[in-house]
Amino acid sequence: MKRINSTAIAIFAALISSALVAGSKPASAEIESLFANTQALEEGAMTTTANVEVRDLVITRVFDAPVERVWKAWTDPNYVMRWWGPTGFTSPSCKIDFREGGKFLFHMRAPKDFQGGQDFYTSGVYKKIVRNKLIEFSQGLSDKDGNRVDPVKMGMPPDFPKEIPSALAFKAVGNKTELTATEYGWTIGQMRDMSEAGLSQCLDKLAEALAKQ
């Protein structure tokens, strides 16, 4: 299979999206379609202007699990590693210092038959925590030690944010949980759309992991 560049893959590393079921799976056609136009982006097809338009990325899902369990799925490294990453990706490790001012480091690995098993990292800081209700945090691309890296140096377009303010809102709905994941200030365009697709796949995997518990 053709090896793709790091630009599109790294988008998913920026999601918290947030980590997953062990063992590589064959990459799906859906993932491949997300990366189809990445080369055009790197060649300058997407440009930044003074009048750039931004729109928050917001996804709401209802999970068939109580809010305490969904909360734990985002805050316990052992649970995060069961689902973090888009379809076919795994998460070999995860570090979480879950407190306001604490840091996290999420690690995801591409399938061997899709990206040669390349590793990508996302790190951030928890800004506000209201138990079983709200998690506000920052996130961005990083190295394996949690040091922030410049997205442009990873091949990202110049309008890709170095830091993405994010929030998770939890709401109990009977024995189920309504989760709203928000990433603030995305520039409208293909990169935002790809990030939304990646986050959606993460949430699909979260639903599957919760169903297995």
Protein backbone atom coordinates (compact mmCIF):
# COMPACT_ATOMS: atom_id res chain seq x y z
CA MET A 1 0.00 0.00 0.00
CA LYS A 2 1.26 3.50 -0.77
CA ARG A 3 2.80 5.25 2.21
CA ILE A 4 1.03 8.52 2.91
CA ASN A 5 2.67 11.63 4.31
CA SER A 6 2.45 12.77 7.91
CA THR A 7 0.12 15.71 7.32
CA ALA A 8 -3.18 13.85 7.28
CA ILE A 9 -2.09 11.28 9.87
CA ALA A 10 -0.96 13.97 12.29
CA ILE A 11 -4.41 15.54 12.21
CA PHE A 12 -5.71 12.56 14.11
CA ALA A 13 -2.88 12.86 16.60
CA ALA A 14 -4.23 16.30 17.41
CA LEU A 15 -7.62 14.98 18.39
CA ILE A 16 -8.69 14.11 21.83
CA SER A 17 -10.53 13.07 20.18
CA SER A 18 -8.38 11.58 22.87
CA ALA A 19 -6.53 6.14 23.35
CA LEU A 20 -7.87 1.77 22.33
CA VAL A 21 -8.40 -1.80 21.22
CA ALA A 22 -4.99 -3.50 20.86
CA GLY A 23 -3.79 -5.01 17.59
CA SER A 24 -3.55 -3.44 14.15
CA LYS A 25 -6.40 -3.79 11.70
CA PRO A 26 -6.33 -3.27 7.95
CA ALA A 27 -6.88 0.36 7.04
CA SER A 28 -10.40 1.03 5.85
CA ALA A 29 -11.40 2.65 2.56
CA GLU A 30 -12.95 5.41 4.62
CA ILE A 31 -9.59 6.36 6.11
CA GLU A 32 -7.95 6.28 2.70
CA SER A 33 -10.55 8.71 1.34
CA LEU A 34 -9.75 11.18 4.13
CA PHE A 35 -6.16 11.41 2.92
CA ALA A 36 -6.86 11.53 -0.81
CA ASN A 37 -6.21 15.26 -1.23
CA THR A 38 -3.43 15.75 1.32
CA GLN A 39 -0.74 16.33 -1.33
CA ALA A 40 -2.70 19.26 -2.72
CA LEU A 41 -2.78 20.83 0.72
CA GLU A 42 0.96 20.53 1.12
CA GLU A 43 1.52 22.14 -2.27
CA GLY A 44 -0.36 25.23 -1.13
CA ALA A 45 -3.91 24.56 -2.26
CA MET A 46 -5.08 25.80 1.13
CA THR A 47 -3.94 29.33 1.95
CA THR A 48 -4.51 31.67 4.83
CA THR A 49 -5.97 35.15 4.38
CA ALA A 50 -6.62 38.08 6.68
CA ASN A 51 -10.36 37.36 6.42
CA VAL A 52 -10.16 33.68 7.25
CA GLU A 53 -13.41 32.21 8.56
CA VAL A 54 -13.41 29.94 11.57
CA ARG A 55 -15.98 27.54 12.97
CA ASP A 56 -15.90 25.40 16.08
CA LEU A 57 -15.91 21.65 15.58
CA VAL A 58 -18.80 20.24 17.63
CA ILE A 59 -19.98 16.61 17.80
CA THR A 60 -22.69 15.32 20.15
CA ARG A 61 -23.20 11.62 20.77
CA VAL A 62 -25.37 9.58 23.14
CA PHE A 63 -23.63 6.52 24.58
CA ASP A 64 -25.42 3.52 26.05
CA ALA A 65 -23.52 3.74 29.33
CA PRO A 66 -23.86 5.72 32.57
CA VAL A 67 -22.02 9.02 32.80
CA GLU A 68 -19.53 7.66 35.36
CA ARG A 69 -18.33 5.04 32.87
CA VAL A 70 -18.05 7.46 29.95
CA TRP A 71 -16.15 9.87 32.20
CA LYS A 72 -13.72 7.13 33.16
CA ALA A 73 -13.21 6.25 29.50
CA TRP A 74 -11.71 9.73 29.00
CA THR A 75 -9.78 10.01 32.26
CA ASP A 76 -8.28 6.57 32.97
CA PRO A 77 -5.27 5.75 30.74
CA ASN A 78 -6.14 2.05 30.68
CA TYR A 79 -9.58 2.85 29.30
CA VAL A 80 -8.41 5.56 26.90
CA MET A 81 -6.04 3.10 25.21
CA ARG A 82 -8.99 0.88 24.30
CA TRP A 83 -10.50 3.35 21.84
CA TRP A 84 -8.35 6.40 21.03
CA GLY A 85 -7.55 6.94 17.36
CA PRO A 86 -9.41 6.58 14.06
CA THR A 87 -10.43 3.23 12.57
CA GLY A 88 -7.53 0.79 12.30
CA PHE A 89 -5.23 2.75 14.63
CA THR A 90 -4.10 1.61 18.08
CA SER A 91 -2.84 3.38 21.17
CA PRO A 92 0.18 1.66 22.77
CA SER A 93 0.46 4.09 25.68
CA CYS A 94 -1.27 6.95 27.45
CA LYS A 95 -0.25 9.21 30.33
CA ILE A 96 -2.75 11.29 32.29
CA ASP A 97 -2.24 13.58 35.29
CA PHE A 98 -5.93 14.25 35.76
CA ARG A 99 -6.19 17.49 37.67
CA GLU A 100 -6.52 21.14 36.77
CA GLY A 101 -3.08 22.12 35.53
CA GLY A 102 -2.17 18.48 34.97
CA LYS A 103 -0.89 17.22 31.63
CA PHE A 104 -1.79 14.34 29.33
CA LEU A 105 0.09 12.57 26.54
CA PHE A 106 -1.85 10.39 24.10
CA HIS A 107 -0.01 8.05 21.76
CA MET A 108 -1.43 6.48 18.63
CA ARG A 109 0.09 4.13 16.09
CA ALA A 110 -0.85 3.72 12.43
CA PRO A 111 -1.49 0.22 11.03
CA LYS A 112 1.65 -1.41 9.63
CA ASP A 113 0.01 -1.91 6.24
CA PHE A 114 -1.09 1.72 6.07
CA GLN A 115 1.64 3.94 7.48
CA GLY A 116 4.33 1.47 8.49
CA GLY A 117 3.25 1.57 12.10
CA GLN A 118 4.35 5.18 12.56
CA ASP A 119 3.75 6.73 16.00
CA PHE A 120 2.09 10.09 16.66
CA TYR A 121 1.55 12.02 19.87
CA THR A 122 -0.86 14.59 21.26
CA SER A 123 -0.26 16.45 24.51
CA GLY A 124 -2.17 19.05 26.45
CA VAL A 125 -3.11 20.59 29.78
CA TYR A 126 -6.36 20.27 31.72
CA LYS A 127 -7.81 23.74 32.34
CA LYS A 128 -11.08 23.04 34.18
CA ILE A 129 -12.61 19.87 35.61
CA VAL A 130 -16.15 19.48 36.94
CA ARG A 131 -16.56 15.81 37.82
CA ASN A 132 -18.92 13.91 35.50
CA LYS A 133 -19.90 17.18 33.80
CA LEU A 134 -17.08 19.07 32.12
CA ILE A 135 -13.44 18.79 31.05
CA GLU A 136 -11.79 21.83 29.45
CA PHE A 137 -8.28 21.42 28.08
CA SER A 138 -5.75 22.49 25.48
CA GLN A 139 -4.20 20.08 23.00
CA GLY A 140 -1.65 20.05 20.22
CA LEU A 141 0.88 17.93 18.36
CA SER A 142 3.89 16.83 20.39
CA ASP A 143 6.87 14.50 20.50
CA LYS A 144 7.02 11.29 22.53
CA ASP A 145 8.07 13.23 25.62
CA GLY A 146 5.10 15.57 25.45
CA ASN A 147 7.02 18.57 24.09
CA ARG A 148 4.90 20.66 21.74
CA VAL A 149 5.98 20.60 18.08
CA ASP A 150 5.30 23.12 15.34
CA PRO A 151 2.56 21.75 13.03
CA VAL A 152 4.15 23.44 10.01
CA LYS A 153 7.40 21.52 10.60
CA MET A 154 5.34 18.33 10.47
CA GLY A 155 4.05 19.27 7.05
CA MET A 156 0.79 20.85 8.15
CA PRO A 157 -0.67 23.89 6.35
CA PRO A 158 0.24 27.25 7.97
CA ASP A 159 -3.30 27.74 9.30
CA PHE A 160 -3.24 24.53 11.32
CA PRO A 161 -3.45 25.62 14.99
CA LYS A 162 -0.47 25.08 17.28
CA GLU A 163 -2.90 24.75 20.16
CA ILE A 164 -6.55 23.70 20.04
CA PRO A 165 -8.76 24.79 22.98
CA SER A 166 -11.18 21.92 23.59
CA ALA A 167 -13.98 20.81 25.88
CA LEU A 168 -15.98 17.69 26.75
CA ALA A 169 -19.45 18.18 28.23
CA PHE A 170 -21.13 15.17 29.88
CA LYS A 171 -24.87 14.93 30.57
CA ALA A 172 -26.68 12.02 32.16
CA VAL A 173 -29.77 10.99 30.20
CA GLY A 174 -31.33 8.24 32.28
CA ASN A 175 -28.81 5.38 32.20
CA LYS A 176 -27.18 6.82 29.07
CA THR A 177 -24.74 9.67 28.54
CA GLU A 178 -24.88 12.59 26.13
CA LEU A 179 -21.37 13.74 25.29
CA THR A 180 -20.57 16.95 23.42
CA ALA A 181 -16.99 17.25 22.19
CA THR A 182 -15.90 20.71 21.05
CA GLU A 183 -12.69 21.95 19.45
CA TYR A 184 -12.65 25.74 19.17
CA GLY A 185 -11.49 28.01 16.37
CA TRP A 186 -10.89 25.69 13.42
CA THR A 187 -10.39 27.42 10.08
CA ILE A 188 -13.17 26.37 7.72
CA GLY A 189 -11.78 24.02 5.09
CA GLN A 190 -10.59 20.53 4.36
CA MET A 191 -8.32 20.25 7.39
CA ARG A 192 -11.24 20.96 9.72
CA ASP A 193 -13.40 18.45 7.83
CA MET A 194 -10.73 15.76 8.11
CA SER A 195 -10.36 16.43 11.82
CA GLU A 196 -14.12 16.12 12.27
CA ALA A 197 -14.08 12.78 10.46
CA GLY A 198 -11.22 11.55 12.64
CA LEU A 199 -12.94 12.58 15.86
CA SER A 200 -16.15 10.92 14.70
CA GLN A 201 -14.27 7.65 14.15
CA CYS A 202 -12.75 7.93 17.64
CA LEU A 203 -16.24 8.28 19.12
CA ASP A 204 -17.42 5.27 17.11
CA LYS A 205 -14.65 3.24 18.71
CA LEU A 206 -15.52 4.61 22.13
CA ALA A 207 -19.11 3.39 21.68
CA GLU A 208 -17.82 -0.07 20.75
CA ALA A 209 -15.49 -0.17 23.75
CA LEU A 210 -18.26 0.85 26.14
CA ALA A 211 -20.54 -1.84 24.69
CA LYS A 212 -17.93 -4.51 25.46
CA GLN A 213 -17.62 -3.58 29.13
